[in-house]
């Protein structure tokens, strides 16, 4: 998958999430759970940080970051699975 295709995919995801408040809430919940799981995994982080997910979610930045990370680290199939779970 080329970089421009990935960018188009992420833009499309952001547009859908921005247009559907229920989906945005589901994505926010999933992202918070994912971030919490990552924090537990990274026990070297001694100071817990509060998530700004609700503020950043309005413009889709967190979703794009999460999608990029999944695509980069786990591949296209895992990204599809993640997006399917989001609804």
C-alpha atoms as a PDB file:
ATOM      1  CA  UNK A   1       0.000   0.000   0.000  1.00  0.00           C
ATOM      2  CA  UNK A   2       1.424   3.361  -1.014  1.00  0.00           C
ATOM      3  CA  UNK A   3       1.670   6.356   1.303  1.00  0.00           C
ATOM      4  CA  UNK A   4      -0.993   8.279  -0.643  1.00  0.00           C
ATOM      5  CA  UNK A   5      -3.410   5.359  -0.330  1.00  0.00           C
ATOM      6  CA  UNK A   6      -2.808   5.190   3.397  1.00  0.00           C
ATOM      7  CA  UNK A   7      -3.372   8.930   3.711  1.00  0.00           C
ATOM      8  CA  UNK A   8      -6.648   8.653   1.744  1.00  0.00           C
ATOM      9  CA  UNK A   9      -7.790   5.796   3.971  1.00  0.00           C
ATOM     10  CA  UNK A  10      -7.035   7.720   7.133  1.00  0.00           C
ATOM     11  CA  UNK A  11      -8.829  10.830   5.830  1.00  0.00           C
ATOM     12  CA  UNK A  12     -11.888   8.718   5.025  1.00  0.00           C
ATOM     13  CA  UNK A  13     -11.840   7.211   8.506  1.00  0.00           C
ATOM     14  CA  UNK A  14     -11.579  10.654  10.090  1.00  0.00           C
ATOM     15  CA  UNK A  15     -14.524  11.956   8.033  1.00  0.00           C
ATOM     16  CA  UNK A  16     -16.743   9.038   9.053  1.00  0.00           C
ATOM     17  CA  UNK A  17     -15.868   9.388  12.717  1.00  0.00           C
ATOM     18  CA  UNK A  18     -16.414  13.154  12.663  1.00  0.00           C
ATOM     19  CA  UNK A  19     -19.842  12.730  11.075  1.00  0.00           C
ATOM     20  CA  UNK A  20     -21.150  10.120  13.534  1.00  0.00           C
ATOM     21  CA  UNK A  21     -21.185  11.025  17.257  1.00  0.00           C
ATOM     22  CA  UNK A  22     -21.964   7.435  18.295  1.00  0.00           C
ATOM     23  CA  UNK A  23     -19.013   6.120  16.337  1.00  0.00           C
ATOM     24  CA  UNK A  24     -16.809   8.884  17.743  1.00  0.00           C
ATOM     25  CA  UNK A  25     -17.781   7.837  21.282  1.00  0.00           C
ATOM     26  CA  UNK A  26     -17.076   4.162  20.490  1.00  0.00           C
ATOM     27  CA  UNK A  27     -13.707   5.065  18.991  1.00  0.00           C
ATOM     28  CA  UNK A  28     -12.873   7.223  21.993  1.00  0.00           C
ATOM     29  CA  UNK A  29     -13.687   4.352  24.362  1.00  0.00           C
ATOM     30  CA  UNK A  30     -11.616   1.915  22.320  1.00  0.00           C
ATOM     31  CA  UNK A  31      -8.678   4.312  22.144  1.00  0.00           C
ATOM     32  CA  UNK A  32      -8.751   4.964  25.861  1.00  0.00           C
ATOM     33  CA  UNK A  33      -8.769   1.212  26.513  1.00  0.00           C
ATOM     34  CA  UNK A  34      -5.909   0.774  24.071  1.00  0.00           C
ATOM     35  CA  UNK A  35      -3.914   3.581  25.642  1.00  0.00           C
ATOM     36  CA  UNK A  36      -4.509   2.151  29.110  1.00  0.00           C
ATOM     37  CA  UNK A  37      -3.370  -1.287  27.956  1.00  0.00           C
ATOM     38  CA  UNK A  38      -0.243   0.243  26.448  1.00  0.00           C
ATOM     39  CA  UNK A  39       0.486   2.107  29.691  1.00  0.00           C
ATOM     40  CA  UNK A  40       0.205  -1.144  31.631  1.00  0.00           C
ATOM     41  CA  UNK A  41       2.539  -2.796  29.153  1.00  0.00           C
ATOM     42  CA  UNK A  42       5.110  -0.021  29.464  1.00  0.00           C
ATOM     43  CA  UNK A  43       5.809  -0.306  33.166  1.00  0.00           C
ATOM     44  CA  UNK A  44       8.840   1.942  32.774  1.00  0.00           C
ATOM     45  CA  UNK A  45       6.527   4.972  32.658  1.00  0.00           C
ATOM     46  CA  UNK A  46       6.426   5.889  36.361  1.00  0.00           C
ATOM     47  CA  UNK A  47       4.114   8.918  36.117  1.00  0.00           C
ATOM     48  CA  UNK A  48       0.631   8.270  34.781  1.00  0.00           C
ATOM     49  CA  UNK A  49      -0.655  10.880  32.341  1.00  0.00           C
ATOM     50  CA  UNK A  50      -4.258  11.859  31.755  1.00  0.00           C
ATOM     51  CA  UNK A  51      -5.592  11.189  28.296  1.00  0.00           C
ATOM     52  CA  UNK A  52      -6.643  14.138  26.167  1.00  0.00           C
ATOM     53  CA  UNK A  53      -8.628  11.772  23.950  1.00  0.00           C
ATOM     54  CA  UNK A  54     -11.924  13.629  24.199  1.00  0.00           C
ATOM     55  CA  UNK A  55     -10.364  16.944  23.160  1.00  0.00           C
ATOM     56  CA  UNK A  56      -8.307  15.568  20.311  1.00  0.00           C
ATOM     57  CA  UNK A  57     -10.985  13.196  19.074  1.00  0.00           C
ATOM     58  CA  UNK A  58     -13.063  16.104  17.779  1.00  0.00           C
ATOM     59  CA  UNK A  59     -10.703  16.574  14.845  1.00  0.00           C
ATOM     60  CA  UNK A  60      -9.835  12.900  14.378  1.00  0.00           C
ATOM     61  CA  UNK A  61      -6.143  13.209  15.268  1.00  0.00           C
ATOM     62  CA  UNK A  62      -6.131  10.359  17.769  1.00  0.00           C
ATOM     63  CA  UNK A  63      -7.863   8.014  15.373  1.00  0.00           C
ATOM     64  CA  UNK A  64      -5.387   8.809  12.648  1.00  0.00           C
ATOM     65  CA  UNK A  65      -2.455   8.313  15.000  1.00  0.00           C
ATOM     66  CA  UNK A  66      -3.825   5.008  16.239  1.00  0.00           C
ATOM     67  CA  UNK A  67      -4.529   3.786  12.687  1.00  0.00           C
ATOM     68  CA  UNK A  68      -1.076   4.770  11.504  1.00  0.00           C
ATOM     69  CA  UNK A  69       0.513   3.017  14.470  1.00  0.00           C
ATOM     70  CA  UNK A  70      -1.463  -0.178  13.909  1.00  0.00           C
ATOM     71  CA  UNK A  71      -0.736  -0.144  10.192  1.00  0.00           C
ATOM     72  CA  UNK A  72       2.977   0.493  10.739  1.00  0.00           C
ATOM     73  CA  UNK A  73       3.476  -2.008  13.571  1.00  0.00           C
ATOM     74  CA  UNK A  74       0.928  -4.739  12.864  1.00  0.00           C
ATOM     75  CA  UNK A  75      -0.036  -4.415   9.197  1.00  0.00           C
ATOM     76  CA  UNK A  76      -3.064  -3.838   7.047  1.00  0.00           C
ATOM     77  CA  UNK A  77      -4.997  -6.868   8.270  1.00  0.00           C
ATOM     78  CA  UNK A  78      -4.827  -5.746  11.916  1.00  0.00           C
ATOM     79  CA  UNK A  79      -5.911  -2.251  10.881  1.00  0.00           C
ATOM     80  CA  UNK A  80      -8.961  -3.744   9.169  1.00  0.00           C
ATOM     81  CA  UNK A  81      -9.741  -5.754  12.297  1.00  0.00           C
ATOM     82  CA  UNK A  82      -9.370  -2.643  14.470  1.00  0.00           C
ATOM     83  CA  UNK A  83     -11.661  -0.623  12.220  1.00  0.00           C
ATOM     84  CA  UNK A  84     -14.205  -3.438  12.123  1.00  0.00           C
ATOM     85  CA  UNK A  85     -14.295  -3.476  15.918  1.00  0.00           C
ATOM     86  CA  UNK A  86     -15.003   0.250  15.878  1.00  0.00           C
ATOM     87  CA  UNK A  87     -18.086  -0.362  13.781  1.00  0.00           C
END
